[in-house]
N, C-alpha and C. Protein backbone atom coordinates (compact mmCIF):
# COMPACT_ATOMS: atom_id res chain seq x y z
N MET A 1 -5.80 41.18 -24.60
CA MET A 1 -6.27 40.85 -25.93
C MET A 1 -5.16 40.19 -26.75
N ALA A 2 -3.97 40.78 -26.77
CA ALA A 2 -2.85 40.22 -27.51
C ALA A 2 -2.47 38.87 -26.94
N LYS A 3 -2.57 38.73 -25.61
CA LYS A 3 -2.22 37.45 -24.97
C LYS A 3 -3.18 36.36 -25.43
N GLN A 4 -4.46 36.68 -25.56
CA GLN A 4 -5.44 35.71 -26.02
C GLN A 4 -5.15 35.27 -27.45
N LYS A 5 -4.77 36.21 -28.29
CA LYS A 5 -4.43 35.88 -29.68
C LYS A 5 -3.23 34.97 -29.73
N LEU A 6 -2.23 35.29 -28.92
CA LEU A 6 -1.03 34.47 -28.88
C LEU A 6 -1.36 33.05 -28.41
N GLU A 7 -2.21 32.93 -27.39
CA GLU A 7 -2.59 31.62 -26.90
C GLU A 7 -3.32 30.83 -27.97
N LYS A 8 -4.17 31.48 -28.76
CA LYS A 8 -4.89 30.79 -29.84
C LYS A 8 -3.92 30.32 -30.92
N ILE A 9 -2.93 31.16 -31.23
CA ILE A 9 -1.93 30.79 -32.23
C ILE A 9 -1.13 29.57 -31.75
N LEU A 10 -0.71 29.61 -30.49
CA LEU A 10 0.05 28.49 -29.93
C LEU A 10 -0.76 27.21 -29.92
N GLU A 11 -2.03 27.31 -29.56
CA GLU A 11 -2.90 26.13 -29.58
C GLU A 11 -3.02 25.56 -31.00
N SER A 12 -3.12 26.43 -31.98
CA SER A 12 -3.19 26.00 -33.38
C SER A 12 -1.90 25.30 -33.81
N LEU A 13 -0.77 25.86 -33.38
CA LEU A 13 0.51 25.24 -33.72
C LEU A 13 0.65 23.86 -33.12
N LEU A 14 0.10 23.67 -31.94
CA LEU A 14 0.18 22.35 -31.30
C LEU A 14 -0.58 21.28 -32.09
N ASP A 15 -1.58 21.72 -32.84
CA ASP A 15 -2.36 20.76 -33.63
C ASP A 15 -1.68 20.37 -34.93
N LEU A 16 -0.68 21.14 -35.35
CA LEU A 16 0.01 20.86 -36.59
C LEU A 16 1.06 19.77 -36.43
N PRO A 17 1.30 19.00 -37.48
CA PRO A 17 2.40 18.03 -37.42
C PRO A 17 3.75 18.78 -37.38
N PRO A 18 4.77 18.16 -36.78
CA PRO A 18 6.06 18.82 -36.65
C PRO A 18 6.63 19.35 -37.97
N GLN A 19 6.41 18.63 -39.06
CA GLN A 19 6.93 19.06 -40.36
C GLN A 19 6.30 20.39 -40.79
N GLU A 20 5.03 20.57 -40.49
CA GLU A 20 4.36 21.81 -40.85
C GLU A 20 4.90 22.98 -40.01
N VAL A 21 5.12 22.73 -38.74
CA VAL A 21 5.67 23.79 -37.87
C VAL A 21 7.07 24.17 -38.34
N GLN A 22 7.86 23.16 -38.71
CA GLN A 22 9.21 23.41 -39.20
C GLN A 22 9.17 24.23 -40.49
N SER A 23 8.26 23.88 -41.39
CA SER A 23 8.12 24.64 -42.62
C SER A 23 7.68 26.08 -42.36
N LEU A 24 6.77 26.25 -41.43
CA LEU A 24 6.31 27.59 -41.07
C LEU A 24 7.45 28.43 -40.51
N MET A 25 8.22 27.86 -39.60
CA MET A 25 9.36 28.58 -39.02
C MET A 25 10.38 28.93 -40.09
N ARG A 26 10.63 28.03 -40.99
CA ARG A 26 11.58 28.29 -42.08
C ARG A 26 11.12 29.50 -42.90
N ARG A 27 9.82 29.54 -43.21
CA ARG A 27 9.29 30.66 -44.00
C ARG A 27 9.38 31.97 -43.22
N LEU A 28 9.16 31.93 -41.92
CA LEU A 28 9.26 33.15 -41.10
C LEU A 28 10.69 33.67 -41.09
N PHE A 29 11.67 32.75 -40.96
CA PHE A 29 13.07 33.15 -40.98
C PHE A 29 13.45 33.75 -42.33
N LYS A 30 13.08 33.06 -43.40
CA LYS A 30 13.46 33.51 -44.75
C LYS A 30 12.81 34.85 -45.07
N GLY A 31 11.60 35.06 -44.62
CA GLY A 31 10.89 36.30 -44.89
C GLY A 31 11.29 37.44 -43.98
N GLY A 32 12.13 37.16 -43.02
CA GLY A 32 12.58 38.19 -42.09
C GLY A 32 11.50 38.60 -41.09
N LEU A 33 10.45 37.75 -40.96
CA LEU A 33 9.36 38.08 -40.06
C LEU A 33 9.66 37.67 -38.62
N TYR A 34 10.64 36.79 -38.45
CA TYR A 34 11.03 36.37 -37.11
C TYR A 34 12.52 36.53 -36.95
N ARG A 35 12.91 37.17 -35.90
CA ARG A 35 14.33 37.30 -35.58
C ARG A 35 14.51 36.72 -34.17
N PRO A 36 15.44 35.79 -34.03
CA PRO A 36 15.67 35.25 -32.70
C PRO A 36 16.16 36.33 -31.75
N PRO A 37 15.90 36.16 -30.46
CA PRO A 37 16.35 37.17 -29.50
C PRO A 37 17.87 37.27 -29.47
N LYS A 38 18.36 38.46 -29.18
CA LYS A 38 19.81 38.67 -29.08
C LYS A 38 20.31 38.05 -27.78
N LEU A 39 21.57 37.64 -27.80
CA LEU A 39 22.17 37.01 -26.64
C LEU A 39 22.10 37.94 -25.41
N GLU A 40 22.33 39.22 -25.60
CA GLU A 40 22.29 40.13 -24.47
C GLU A 40 20.90 40.22 -23.85
N ASP A 41 19.85 40.12 -24.67
CA ASP A 41 18.49 40.13 -24.15
C ASP A 41 18.19 38.86 -23.36
N ILE A 42 18.67 37.73 -23.87
CA ILE A 42 18.48 36.46 -23.17
C ILE A 42 19.21 36.49 -21.84
N THR A 43 20.46 36.97 -21.86
CA THR A 43 21.27 37.03 -20.63
C THR A 43 20.60 37.92 -19.58
N ARG A 44 20.12 39.07 -20.01
CA ARG A 44 19.45 39.99 -19.09
C ARG A 44 18.22 39.35 -18.47
N GLY A 45 17.45 38.64 -19.28
CA GLY A 45 16.25 37.98 -18.78
C GLY A 45 16.58 36.87 -17.79
N VAL A 46 17.62 36.09 -18.09
CA VAL A 46 18.02 35.02 -17.20
C VAL A 46 18.51 35.57 -15.87
N GLU A 47 19.32 36.62 -15.93
CA GLU A 47 19.80 37.24 -14.68
C GLU A 47 18.64 37.69 -13.81
N HIS A 48 17.62 38.26 -14.45
CA HIS A 48 16.45 38.74 -13.71
C HIS A 48 15.74 37.55 -13.01
N VAL A 49 15.54 36.46 -13.75
CA VAL A 49 14.84 35.30 -13.20
C VAL A 49 15.63 34.70 -12.04
N VAL A 50 16.95 34.57 -12.22
CA VAL A 50 17.78 33.99 -11.18
C VAL A 50 17.74 34.85 -9.90
N LYS A 51 17.86 36.15 -10.04
CA LYS A 51 17.83 37.03 -8.88
C LYS A 51 16.45 37.05 -8.23
N GLU A 52 15.40 37.15 -9.05
CA GLU A 52 14.04 37.23 -8.53
C GLU A 52 13.65 35.97 -7.76
N ASN A 53 14.08 34.80 -8.25
CA ASN A 53 13.71 33.54 -7.61
C ASN A 53 14.78 33.02 -6.65
N LYS A 54 15.86 33.77 -6.52
CA LYS A 54 16.96 33.40 -5.60
C LYS A 54 17.39 31.96 -5.82
N LEU A 55 17.67 31.64 -7.08
CA LEU A 55 18.06 30.27 -7.43
C LEU A 55 19.50 29.98 -7.01
N PRO A 56 19.74 28.80 -6.44
CA PRO A 56 21.12 28.45 -6.07
C PRO A 56 21.96 28.18 -7.31
N SER A 57 23.24 28.34 -7.17
CA SER A 57 24.15 28.22 -8.32
C SER A 57 24.14 26.81 -8.92
N GLU A 58 23.85 25.77 -8.10
CA GLU A 58 23.82 24.40 -8.63
C GLU A 58 22.70 24.26 -9.68
N ILE A 59 21.56 24.85 -9.41
CA ILE A 59 20.44 24.77 -10.34
C ILE A 59 20.77 25.54 -11.60
N VAL A 60 21.37 26.70 -11.45
CA VAL A 60 21.73 27.50 -12.61
C VAL A 60 22.75 26.74 -13.46
N ASP A 61 23.73 26.10 -12.83
CA ASP A 61 24.75 25.32 -13.57
C ASP A 61 24.09 24.18 -14.34
N LYS A 62 23.14 23.48 -13.70
CA LYS A 62 22.43 22.39 -14.39
C LYS A 62 21.64 22.90 -15.57
N ALA A 63 20.99 24.04 -15.39
CA ALA A 63 20.20 24.63 -16.48
C ALA A 63 21.09 25.03 -17.65
N ILE A 64 22.26 25.59 -17.34
CA ILE A 64 23.19 25.98 -18.41
C ILE A 64 23.67 24.74 -19.15
N GLY A 65 24.01 23.68 -18.40
CA GLY A 65 24.43 22.43 -19.04
C GLY A 65 23.37 21.85 -19.93
N TRP A 66 22.13 21.89 -19.48
CA TRP A 66 21.02 21.37 -20.28
C TRP A 66 20.87 22.21 -21.56
N ALA A 67 20.88 23.54 -21.41
CA ALA A 67 20.70 24.43 -22.56
C ALA A 67 21.78 24.21 -23.60
N ARG A 68 23.01 24.01 -23.13
CA ARG A 68 24.12 23.80 -24.08
C ARG A 68 24.01 22.46 -24.79
N SER A 69 23.36 21.50 -24.17
CA SER A 69 23.23 20.17 -24.80
C SER A 69 22.13 20.13 -25.87
N GLN A 70 21.28 21.16 -25.90
CA GLN A 70 20.19 21.20 -26.87
C GLN A 70 20.71 21.75 -28.21
N LYS A 71 20.28 21.13 -29.27
CA LYS A 71 20.71 21.60 -30.59
C LYS A 71 19.54 21.66 -31.52
């Protein structure tokens, strides 16, 4: 049920212009309704995915490089 609601929300966001999405995110941050994930949670999740999928180190290095290039 919650997954269906989330999918509907995401579909609605896709219909909005980028400026509206940016404004919405800004309001969520200012209101304290959204908190970005902690680095330790991200790291734990990435370690799990790498181990589960047995990804080679070259792919992991490329992914890290790509992520660092995003701003």
